[in-house]
Protein backbone atom coordinates (compact mmCIF):
# COMPACT_ATOMS: atom_id res chain seq x y z
CA MET A 1 -45.32 -21.10 -18.53
CA LYS A 2 -47.22 -20.89 -15.02
CA GLU A 3 -49.01 -17.23 -14.96
CA ARG A 4 -47.03 -14.96 -12.52
CA GLU A 5 -48.37 -14.10 -9.29
CA SER A 6 -50.04 -10.35 -8.56
CA THR A 7 -48.37 -9.07 -5.52
CA PRO A 8 -49.43 -5.73 -3.67
CA LEU A 9 -46.94 -3.94 -2.86
CA PRO A 10 -46.09 -2.90 0.83
CA SER A 11 -47.24 0.11 2.04
CA ARG A 12 -44.66 0.67 4.21
CA LEU A 13 -41.19 -1.13 4.57
CA TYR A 14 -38.22 -0.44 6.92
CA PHE A 15 -34.45 -1.15 6.05
CA VAL A 16 -31.95 -2.60 8.44
CA GLY A 17 -28.53 -2.16 6.54
CA ALA A 18 -30.21 0.40 4.03
CA GLY A 19 -26.77 1.71 3.26
CA GLY A 20 -25.67 -1.76 1.60
CA ILE A 21 -25.73 -1.60 -1.97
CA GLY A 22 -27.77 -4.45 -2.79
CA MET A 23 -30.44 -3.11 0.16
CA ALA A 24 -30.36 0.54 -1.74
CA ASN A 25 -31.96 -0.24 -5.08
CA LEU A 26 -35.06 -1.60 -3.01
CA VAL A 27 -35.37 0.86 -1.00
CA ARG A 28 -35.17 3.28 -4.36
CA TYR A 29 -37.94 0.40 -5.91
CA TYR A 30 -40.54 1.07 -3.48
CA LEU A 31 -39.69 4.54 -3.15
CA ARG A 32 -40.22 5.17 -6.97
CA HIS A 33 -43.68 2.67 -6.26
CA GLY A 34 -45.14 4.99 -3.76
CA SER A 35 -43.97 3.08 -0.52
CA ALA A 36 -43.10 5.04 2.84
CA VAL A 37 -39.65 4.12 3.43
CA ALA A 38 -37.52 4.00 6.48
CA GLY A 39 -33.94 2.69 7.84
CA TYR A 40 -31.06 2.23 9.63
CA ASP A 41 -27.20 1.83 8.34
CA ARG A 42 -24.15 1.95 10.67
CA THR A 43 -22.80 5.29 8.86
CA SER A 44 -23.83 7.76 6.62
CA SER A 45 -22.55 7.81 2.83
CA ASP A 46 -22.86 9.10 -0.58
CA LEU A 47 -25.57 6.71 -0.74
CA THR A 48 -27.40 6.59 2.12
CA ARG A 49 -27.72 10.94 1.80
CA ALA A 50 -28.54 9.94 -2.18
CA LEU A 51 -31.37 7.52 -1.01
CA GLU A 52 -32.81 10.33 1.97
CA LYS A 53 -33.00 12.79 -1.07
CA GLU A 54 -34.92 10.91 -2.72
CA GLY A 55 -37.50 10.37 0.22
CA ALA A 56 -36.04 7.59 2.99
CA THR A 57 -35.93 8.43 6.09
CA LEU A 58 -32.61 6.81 8.13
CA THR A 59 -31.22 7.13 11.31
CA TYR A 60 -27.48 5.86 11.90
CA GLN A 61 -28.22 4.86 15.45
CA ALA A 62 -28.81 1.29 16.57
CA ASP A 63 -31.60 2.66 18.83
CA PRO A 64 -35.28 1.88 19.20
CA ALA A 65 -36.59 4.89 19.91
CA ASN A 66 -35.40 6.33 16.34
CA ILE A 67 -37.71 4.56 14.57
CA PRO A 68 -40.17 6.91 13.22
CA GLU A 69 -43.67 6.92 14.91
CA ALA A 70 -45.15 6.21 11.40
CA PHE A 71 -43.24 2.83 11.09
CA ARG A 72 -44.56 1.25 14.73
CA ASN A 73 -47.36 -0.65 13.73
CA PRO A 74 -46.48 -4.37 13.36
CA THR A 75 -49.63 -4.75 10.95
CA GLU A 76 -48.68 -1.83 8.51
CA THR A 77 -44.83 -2.22 8.17
CA LEU A 78 -42.65 -5.30 6.55
CA VAL A 79 -39.01 -4.88 8.03
CA VAL A 80 -35.97 -6.33 5.91
CA TYR A 81 -32.58 -6.63 6.57
CA THR A 82 -29.13 -7.73 4.97
CA PRO A 83 -27.45 -10.87 6.74
CA ALA A 84 -24.40 -8.32 7.36
CA ILE A 85 -26.46 -6.69 10.10
CA PRO A 86 -25.39 -8.96 13.34
CA GLU A 87 -28.94 -10.32 15.35
CA SER A 88 -27.70 -8.33 18.29
CA ASN A 89 -28.40 -5.00 16.55
CA PRO A 90 -31.18 -3.18 18.88
CA ILE A 91 -33.35 -2.24 16.47
CA LEU A 92 -33.33 -5.50 14.64
CA LYS A 93 -33.96 -7.34 18.30
CA TYR A 94 -37.03 -4.63 18.25
CA PHE A 95 -38.76 -5.25 15.62
CA ARG A 96 -38.46 -9.45 16.21
CA GLU A 97 -39.91 -9.21 20.20
CA ASN A 98 -42.69 -7.09 18.61
CA GLY A 99 -44.47 -9.20 16.25
CA TYR A 100 -43.27 -7.25 12.81
CA GLU A 101 -42.56 -9.64 9.94
CA VAL A 102 -38.82 -9.38 9.28
CA ILE A 103 -37.62 -10.60 6.10
CA LYS A 104 -34.42 -10.87 4.50
CA ARG A 105 -33.51 -8.86 1.49
CA ALA A 106 -33.52 -11.95 -0.68
CA ALA A 107 -36.63 -12.64 0.36
CA LEU A 108 -38.24 -9.58 -1.01
CA LEU A 109 -36.48 -10.02 -4.23
CA GLY A 110 -37.95 -13.13 -4.41
CA ARG A 111 -41.45 -11.72 -4.31
CA ILE A 112 -40.24 -9.70 -7.29
CA THR A 113 -39.65 -12.60 -9.32
CA ARG A 114 -42.81 -14.27 -8.36
CA HIS A 115 -44.89 -11.54 -10.09
CA THR A 116 -42.18 -10.52 -12.58
CA LYS A 117 -40.00 -12.67 -15.13
CA GLY A 118 -36.85 -12.69 -13.70
CA ILE A 119 -33.39 -13.00 -15.02
CA CYS A 120 -31.08 -14.12 -12.25
CA VAL A 121 -27.71 -14.15 -12.18
CA ALA A 122 -25.63 -16.21 -10.20
CA GLY A 123 -22.01 -17.24 -9.52
CA SER A 124 -18.78 -16.87 -7.52
CA HIS A 125 -17.49 -14.38 -9.86
CA GLY A 126 -19.20 -12.17 -12.81
CA LYS A 127 -22.14 -11.94 -11.58
CA THR A 128 -22.30 -8.15 -11.36
CA THR A 129 -21.07 -7.31 -14.73
CA THR A 130 -23.15 -10.02 -16.41
CA SER A 131 -26.20 -8.96 -15.00
CA SER A 132 -24.96 -5.38 -15.57
CA MET A 133 -24.67 -5.93 -19.46
CA ILE A 134 -28.24 -7.68 -19.66
CA ALA A 135 -29.90 -4.72 -18.24
CA ASN A 136 -28.22 -2.06 -20.09
CA ILE A 137 -29.05 -4.46 -23.24
CA LEU A 138 -33.22 -4.66 -22.42
CA ARG A 139 -33.54 -1.10 -20.85
CA ARG A 140 -32.13 -0.01 -24.42
CA SER A 141 -34.30 -2.54 -26.25
CA LYS A 142 -38.47 -2.57 -26.61
CA ALA A 143 -38.35 -5.38 -23.80
CA GLY A 144 -37.77 -3.31 -21.21
CA CYS A 145 -36.65 -4.19 -17.66
CA THR A 146 -36.27 -3.14 -13.53
CA ALA A 147 -33.12 -4.55 -12.92
CA PHE A 148 -31.39 -4.72 -8.80
CA LEU A 149 -27.96 -4.81 -9.49
CA GLY A 150 -25.10 -5.37 -6.70
CA GLY A 151 -22.83 -2.57 -8.31
CA ILE A 152 -23.50 0.86 -9.88
CA LEU A 153 -24.00 0.60 -13.60
CA ARG A 154 -22.00 3.59 -14.77
CA ASN A 155 -24.43 3.98 -17.49
CA THR A 156 -27.01 5.26 -15.31
CA GLY A 157 -25.15 6.12 -12.05
CA SER A 158 -27.04 4.05 -9.96
CA ASN A 159 -27.69 0.45 -9.01
CA LEU A 160 -31.47 0.41 -10.32
CA VAL A 161 -32.88 0.22 -13.19
CA LEU A 162 -36.55 0.74 -13.19
CA ASN A 163 -39.24 0.64 -16.23
CA GLU A 164 -43.31 -0.27 -14.67
CA SER A 165 -44.03 -1.56 -17.95
CA SER A 166 -41.77 -4.36 -18.92
CA GLU A 167 -42.64 -7.53 -17.26
CA TYR A 168 -38.67 -8.53 -17.37
CA SER A 169 -36.55 -7.71 -13.66
CA VAL A 170 -32.85 -8.51 -13.43
CA ILE A 171 -31.49 -9.49 -10.15
CA GLU A 172 -27.97 -10.39 -9.48
CA ALA A 173 -28.53 -13.54 -7.33
CA ASP A 174 -26.36 -13.93 -4.27
CA GLU A 175 -25.25 -17.40 -3.16
CA TYR A 176 -24.21 -16.12 -0.11
CA ASP A 177 -26.06 -17.35 3.12
CA ARG A 178 -28.26 -19.51 0.49
CA SER A 179 -30.04 -15.69 -0.57
CA PHE A 180 -30.58 -17.25 -4.06
CA HIS A 181 -33.04 -19.63 -2.92
CA HIS A 182 -35.23 -17.40 -2.15
CA LEU A 183 -35.59 -16.35 -5.90
CA ARG A 184 -37.88 -18.54 -8.73
CA PRO A 185 -36.32 -17.62 -12.06
CA TRP A 186 -37.50 -17.52 -15.52
CA LEU A 187 -34.18 -17.26 -16.70
CA ALA A 188 -31.24 -17.91 -14.65
CA VAL A 189 -27.64 -17.68 -15.70
CA VAL A 190 -24.73 -19.35 -13.13
CA THR A 191 -21.56 -18.30 -14.46
CA SER A 192 -19.10 -20.06 -12.20
CA THR A 193 -19.02 -22.17 -8.92
CA ASP A 194 -15.24 -21.48 -8.11
CA PRO A 195 -15.88 -22.54 -3.72
CA ASP A 196 -16.40 -19.57 -1.62
CA HIS A 197 -18.18 -18.53 1.51
CA LEU A 198 -17.15 -21.79 2.76
CA ASP A 199 -17.32 -20.05 6.21
CA ILE A 200 -21.24 -20.87 5.72
CA TYR A 201 -21.18 -23.54 3.63
CA GLY A 202 -18.35 -25.99 5.32
CA ASP A 203 -17.04 -27.01 2.07
CA GLU A 204 -17.02 -27.74 -1.82
CA THR A 205 -19.54 -30.08 -1.96
CA HIS A 206 -22.23 -27.79 0.00
CA TYR A 207 -21.70 -24.96 -1.83
CA LEU A 208 -21.96 -26.91 -5.44
CA GLU A 209 -25.49 -28.40 -3.80
CA ALA A 210 -26.69 -24.88 -3.07
CA PHE A 211 -26.17 -24.10 -7.19
CA THR A 212 -28.04 -27.29 -8.20
CA ARG A 213 -30.75 -25.96 -5.42
CA PHE A 214 -30.74 -22.92 -7.71
CA THR A 215 -31.83 -24.23 -10.44
CA GLU A 216 -34.67 -26.15 -9.32
CA LEU A 217 -36.13 -23.44 -8.83
CA ILE A 218 -36.27 -21.76 -12.49
CA SER A 219 -39.91 -22.03 -13.51
CA SER A 220 -41.35 -24.33 -15.99
CA GLY A 221 -41.12 -22.58 -19.17
CA GLY A 222 -38.03 -21.04 -18.21
CA TYR A 223 -34.35 -21.29 -19.20
CA LEU A 224 -31.12 -22.02 -17.71
CA LEU A 225 -27.60 -20.74 -19.49
CA THR A 226 -24.87 -22.43 -17.51
CA HIS A 227 -21.47 -21.61 -18.23
CA THR A 228 -19.50 -24.93 -19.91
CA GLY A 229 -16.77 -27.10 -17.10
CA LEU A 230 -18.58 -26.40 -14.14
CA LYS A 231 -18.38 -28.74 -11.51
CA TYR A 232 -22.09 -28.20 -10.02
CA ARG A 233 -24.81 -30.37 -11.44
CA PRO A 234 -27.79 -28.77 -12.65
CA ASN A 235 -31.19 -30.32 -11.82
CA PRO A 236 -34.19 -28.17 -13.21
CA ALA A 237 -37.75 -29.00 -13.82
CA GLU A 238 -39.25 -30.39 -16.80
CA GLY A 239 -40.31 -27.89 -19.28
CA VAL A 240 -37.02 -25.65 -18.46
CA THR A 241 -34.42 -24.99 -21.42
CA THR A 242 -31.04 -25.89 -21.03
CA VAL A 243 -28.09 -24.04 -22.97
CA THR A 244 -24.67 -24.15 -22.03
CA TYR A 245 -22.37 -20.88 -22.85
CA SER A 246 -18.58 -19.69 -22.87
CA GLY A 247 -16.11 -17.23 -24.30
CA GLY A 248 -14.04 -19.65 -25.98
CA ALA A 249 -15.35 -22.06 -28.93
CA GLU A 250 -17.13 -24.11 -26.42
CA GLY A 251 -21.51 -24.14 -25.31
CA ASP A 252 -24.53 -23.93 -27.05
CA TRP A 253 -22.98 -19.99 -26.87
CA HIS A 254 -20.17 -19.07 -27.96
CA ALA A 255 -17.47 -16.46 -29.25
CA GLU A 256 -15.73 -16.99 -32.54
CA ASP A 257 -13.43 -14.57 -34.58
CA ILE A 258 -12.12 -12.96 -31.05
CA THR A 259 -10.08 -10.09 -32.18
CA TYR A 260 -7.69 -7.42 -30.22
CA GLY A 261 -6.59 -3.82 -31.04
CA GLU A 262 -6.16 -0.03 -30.75
CA GLY A 263 -8.16 -0.60 -27.06
CA THR A 264 -10.88 -2.35 -28.50
CA LEU A 265 -12.16 -6.24 -28.38
CA THR A 266 -14.78 -8.10 -31.34
CA PHE A 267 -16.10 -11.19 -31.82
CA THR A 268 -19.16 -13.28 -33.23
CA LEU A 269 -21.60 -14.38 -31.28
CA ALA A 270 -22.36 -18.15 -32.15
CA GLY A 271 -25.74 -19.37 -30.53
CA PRO A 272 -28.50 -22.63 -31.42
CA ASP A 273 -29.83 -23.16 -34.67
CA GLY A 274 -27.62 -21.00 -36.45
CA ILE A 275 -27.94 -17.61 -34.51
CA ARG A 276 -24.65 -15.57 -35.79
CA ILE A 277 -24.52 -12.20 -34.50
CA GLU A 278 -20.98 -10.24 -36.09
CA GLY A 279 -19.58 -7.36 -34.58
CA LEU A 280 -19.74 -7.56 -31.28
CA SER A 281 -17.77 -5.23 -29.06
CA PRO A 282 -18.48 -5.06 -25.59
CA GLY A 283 -17.94 -0.89 -24.02
CA VAL A 284 -15.49 -2.55 -21.49
CA PRO A 285 -13.28 -4.02 -23.88
CA VAL A 286 -11.17 -7.11 -21.82
CA GLU A 287 -10.98 -10.66 -22.04
CA ILE A 288 -12.89 -11.33 -18.87
CA ASN A 289 -15.66 -9.89 -20.54
CA ILE A 290 -15.96 -12.31 -23.29
CA ASP A 291 -17.49 -14.64 -21.13
CA ASN A 292 -20.08 -12.10 -19.59
CA ALA A 293 -20.86 -10.41 -23.05
CA VAL A 294 -22.09 -13.83 -24.33
CA ALA A 295 -24.30 -14.50 -21.58
CA ALA A 296 -25.62 -11.50 -21.39
CA ALA A 297 -26.43 -11.61 -25.33
CA ALA A 298 -27.82 -15.15 -25.22
CA ALA A 299 -30.04 -13.87 -21.86
CA ALA A 300 -31.30 -10.94 -23.88
CA HIS A 301 -31.95 -12.84 -26.79
CA TYR A 302 -34.00 -14.90 -24.98
CA ALA A 303 -36.08 -11.73 -23.41
CA GLY A 304 -36.99 -10.88 -27.14
CA ALA A 305 -33.96 -8.33 -27.56
CA THR A 306 -32.98 -7.57 -31.51
CA GLU A 307 -29.54 -8.64 -33.15
CA GLU A 308 -29.18 -4.52 -33.38
CA GLU A 309 -30.27 -4.04 -29.72
CA ILE A 310 -27.86 -6.65 -28.47
CA ARG A 311 -24.83 -4.87 -30.49
CA GLU A 312 -25.86 -1.70 -29.42
CA GLY A 313 -26.26 -2.36 -26.00
CA LEU A 314 -22.83 -4.52 -25.35
CA LYS A 315 -21.19 -1.80 -27.32
CA SER A 316 -22.50 1.38 -25.39
CA PHE A 317 -21.73 -0.55 -21.93
CA GLN A 318 -19.95 1.32 -19.55
CA GLY A 319 -19.19 -1.07 -17.05
CA ALA A 320 -20.29 -1.29 -13.25
CA LYS A 321 -18.39 0.34 -10.70
CA ARG A 322 -15.24 -1.54 -9.25
CA ARG A 323 -15.71 -3.85 -11.97
CA PHE A 324 -12.52 -3.22 -13.99
CA GLU A 325 -12.95 0.31 -13.53
CA VAL A 326 -10.18 2.47 -15.05
CA TRP A 327 -9.57 5.79 -13.19
CA LEU A 328 -6.44 6.86 -15.62
CA ASP A 329 -5.88 5.66 -19.06
CA GLY A 330 -1.75 7.14 -19.21
CA THR A 331 -3.16 9.76 -21.17
CA GLU A 332 -3.37 12.66 -18.57
CA ARG A 333 -0.33 13.58 -18.78
CA PRO A 334 3.22 12.35 -20.81
CA GLY A 335 4.35 9.00 -19.63
CA GLY A 336 1.53 8.77 -17.11
CA PRO A 337 0.29 6.02 -15.32
CA VAL A 338 -2.63 3.67 -15.48
CA LEU A 339 -5.06 3.16 -12.81
CA ILE A 340 -7.38 0.47 -12.56
CA ASP A 341 -9.69 -0.86 -9.61
CA ASP A 342 -11.61 -4.20 -9.83
CA TYR A 343 -13.40 -5.73 -7.17
CA ALA A 344 -12.18 -9.52 -7.98
CA HIS A 345 -12.01 -10.94 -4.69
CA SER A 346 -11.72 -14.77 -5.41
CA PRO A 347 -8.58 -16.37 -6.72
CA LYS A 348 -9.59 -16.68 -10.17
CA GLU A 349 -11.06 -13.11 -10.53
CA VAL A 350 -7.77 -12.00 -9.30
CA GLU A 351 -5.93 -14.09 -12.09
CA ALA A 352 -8.24 -13.24 -14.89
CA SER A 353 -7.99 -9.47 -13.80
CA ILE A 354 -4.05 -9.48 -13.92
CA ARG A 355 -4.27 -11.61 -17.29
CA SER A 356 -6.55 -9.11 -19.09
CA VAL A 357 -4.35 -6.35 -18.12
CA ARG A 358 -1.31 -7.88 -19.55
CA LYS A 359 -2.88 -8.06 -22.45
CA LEU A 360 -4.41 -4.60 -22.80
CA TYR A 361 -0.80 -3.16 -21.65
CA PRO A 362 2.13 -5.86 -22.28
CA THR A 363 4.83 -3.91 -22.21
CA ARG A 364 4.17 -1.62 -18.88
CA GLU A 365 5.23 -2.66 -15.23
CA LEU A 366 2.24 -3.80 -13.48
CA THR A 367 1.83 -3.38 -9.37
CA VAL A 368 -1.25 -5.03 -7.64
CA ILE A 369 -2.62 -3.81 -4.52
CA PHE A 370 -4.43 -6.46 -2.86
CA GLN A 371 -6.30 -5.72 0.06
CA PRO A 372 -7.61 -9.40 2.33
CA HIS A 373 -11.49 -9.74 2.49
CA LEU A 374 -12.30 -11.70 5.34
CA TYR A 375 -10.10 -14.00 7.74
CA SER A 376 -11.87 -17.11 6.37
CA ARG A 377 -11.73 -16.51 2.59
CA THR A 378 -7.74 -16.38 3.24
CA ARG A 379 -7.22 -19.51 5.31
CA ASP A 380 -9.31 -21.43 3.29
CA PHE A 381 -7.57 -20.21 -0.38
CA ALA A 382 -4.12 -18.68 0.70
CA GLU A 383 -1.93 -20.64 -2.00
CA GLU A 384 -4.56 -20.41 -5.02
CA PHE A 385 -4.64 -16.16 -3.93
CA ALA A 386 -0.73 -16.25 -4.40
CA GLU A 387 -0.21 -18.11 -7.29
CA ALA A 388 -3.23 -15.63 -8.77
CA LEU A 389 -1.21 -12.63 -7.75
CA SER A 390 2.33 -14.09 -8.98
CA GLY A 391 1.36 -12.66 -12.05
CA ALA A 392 2.16 -9.20 -11.55
CA ASP A 393 5.71 -7.26 -11.45
CA ARG A 394 4.89 -6.06 -7.95
CA VAL A 395 2.47 -6.73 -5.01
CA ILE A 396 1.59 -4.84 -2.12
CA MET A 397 -0.65 -6.15 0.53
CA PRO A 398 -2.34 -3.99 3.32
CA GLU A 399 -4.05 -5.91 6.82
CA ILE A 400 -6.50 -8.12 6.34
CA TYR A 401 -10.59 -6.25 5.80
CA PRO A 402 -12.64 -8.16 8.65
CA ALA A 403 -16.24 -7.48 7.27
CA ARG A 404 -18.42 -9.25 9.76
CA GLU A 405 -15.38 -11.57 10.89
CA GLU A 406 -13.37 -12.17 14.32
CA PRO A 407 -9.69 -12.80 13.63
CA ILE A 408 -8.96 -16.15 13.14
CA ALA A 409 -5.36 -16.94 14.94
CA GLY A 410 -2.34 -17.84 12.61
CA ILE A 411 -3.98 -15.89 9.86
CA SER A 412 -2.99 -12.48 8.64
CA THR A 413 -1.58 -11.04 5.04
CA GLU A 414 1.33 -12.83 5.62
CA THR A 415 -0.63 -16.40 4.89
CA ILE A 416 -0.88 -14.97 1.69
CA LEU A 417 2.27 -12.66 0.85
CA SER A 418 4.87 -15.19 2.02
CA ARG A 419 3.64 -17.69 -0.66
CA VAL A 420 3.73 -14.95 -3.75
CA LYS A 421 6.33 -15.22 -5.97
CA SER A 422 6.60 -11.49 -7.64
CA PRO A 423 9.64 -10.13 -8.18
CA GLU A 424 8.70 -7.55 -5.30
CA LYS A 425 6.43 -7.62 -2.41
CA SER A 426 5.60 -5.80 0.51
CA TYR A 427 3.23 -5.42 3.47
CA ILE A 428 2.15 -1.90 4.09
CA GLU A 429 -0.67 -1.19 6.40
CA ARG A 430 -3.44 0.83 5.12
CA LYS A 431 -3.04 3.72 6.65
CA ASP A 432 0.64 4.25 5.08
CA LEU A 433 -0.81 3.15 1.59
CA LEU A 434 -1.12 6.87 0.17
CA ILE A 435 2.71 8.03 1.22
CA ALA A 436 3.83 4.88 -0.21
CA ILE A 437 2.33 5.24 -3.15
CA LYS A 438 3.56 9.18 -3.35
CA ASN A 439 6.94 8.04 -2.91
CA SER A 440 7.22 5.48 -5.79
CA ASN A 441 6.54 5.23 -9.76
CA PHE A 442 3.87 3.45 -11.62
CA GLY A 443 3.51 2.11 -14.76
CA ILE A 444 0.57 0.23 -14.17
CA LEU A 445 -1.25 0.57 -10.36
CA MET A 446 -4.25 -1.89 -10.18
CA THR A 447 -6.02 -2.02 -6.68
CA LEU A 448 -7.95 -5.18 -5.79
CA GLY A 449 -10.14 -6.74 -3.50
CA ALA A 450 -13.83 -6.46 -1.89
CA ALA A 451 -12.86 -4.77 0.97
CA ASP A 452 -12.85 -0.53 0.99
CA ILE A 453 -9.56 -0.14 -0.74
CA ASP A 454 -11.87 2.08 -2.91
CA ARG A 455 -12.30 4.83 -0.86
CA LEU A 456 -8.64 5.80 -1.47
CA LEU A 457 -9.28 5.85 -5.08
CA PRO A 458 -9.89 9.69 -5.47
CA GLU A 459 -6.47 10.50 -3.28
CA ILE A 460 -4.61 7.99 -5.26
CA SER A 461 -5.76 9.05 -8.58
CA ARG A 462 -4.84 12.68 -7.23
CA ILE A 463 -0.97 11.43 -6.96
CA LEU A 464 -0.65 9.93 -9.97
CA LYS A 465 -1.86 12.61 -11.54
CA GLY A 466 1.01 14.80 -9.43
CA GLU A 467 -2.10 16.73 -8.02
CA SER A 468 -1.20 15.91 -4.52
């Protein structure tokens, strides 16, 4: 394998959009390595306040006058931004117009993969949980890892795992804006290629081509671990070992002897050359995690984790926040409801989450609150979202969360809701959701989506526990 490059760490970095979940782990990484870090974000949050306590100098006003003096030398400061920041942002414009090196967050991660063995997990869904599982296995193993995750690993309370002596980095490879093309993986996992971000790619063909390009970036001597049945065409370089996986019976790596019982899930991992690891039990025991656990175990195996380290790493995995996160398990009071939150924001993710809840609680009524994320995604996948949501007994939907987008004429929550076939369905504005929840009874209440519905969960939890 080609020797990894040695890249000096920047002495000063300024992060535009520092409070984003994917930016914050880089802020923490460079702070821990002794770099001076400053940045801007639109609003203060628990995460930005934590970053400030750890040593970052942050501002919440988009005024170049607030850039600290120590970061005003273009030859000493590397500027990193997230695509969520508009080009019109005055601070970003200042840096561009004054001779600074300005790079995307993904390009900075790419630099890290050039001097580590990057284990990069890509896919339209499953990548946060899979990369978090890999990180949890490796951080507890002799191999170790540094990990940059797209969610908070509940085992550590952080989206960064840091091990300065390990040669491995675990990175969630985001396909939005073709960001993952900056990476140079040693091992790549492709979990899924269901079309998404068509506002960027235009159509499914170009979306799939982006994944093909991603596989071409794997270093010779490395590995491609790809889910069975995907539409894209992998095209790794000569010298890359390609293997397939699935949570079913297919693939070079796959699950056998799957059993459910008393809130647990166990399976046997079967791999190439007669590999068998029995008694694997993911710490978050839902059906959608079988695929993720197979991929994580296989990736950890190639990184040198032992059978017992894989078993213990999966068993101890507490999940990533907002990835099938159980807020209430129904035992808080007699006959109490279950409250689950999941980041599911593609039709297949929504369908898989609902199916998993049905398997765990087959006799309980399921109510889903789904907050659509983006006008374009609503427009492009209305039929598919409606079909997936129809697996719930009751569906509640607030207004679309626009994020970076302007409204699209004729597209609203009703675009999906009118097609939902559940026995009960309703549109309730986000500002009225808490009142509606107070006036309802639930067996299981599940909040879904990539928007900001999670900010209501502490109050929803108190209501369901009878405390509010």
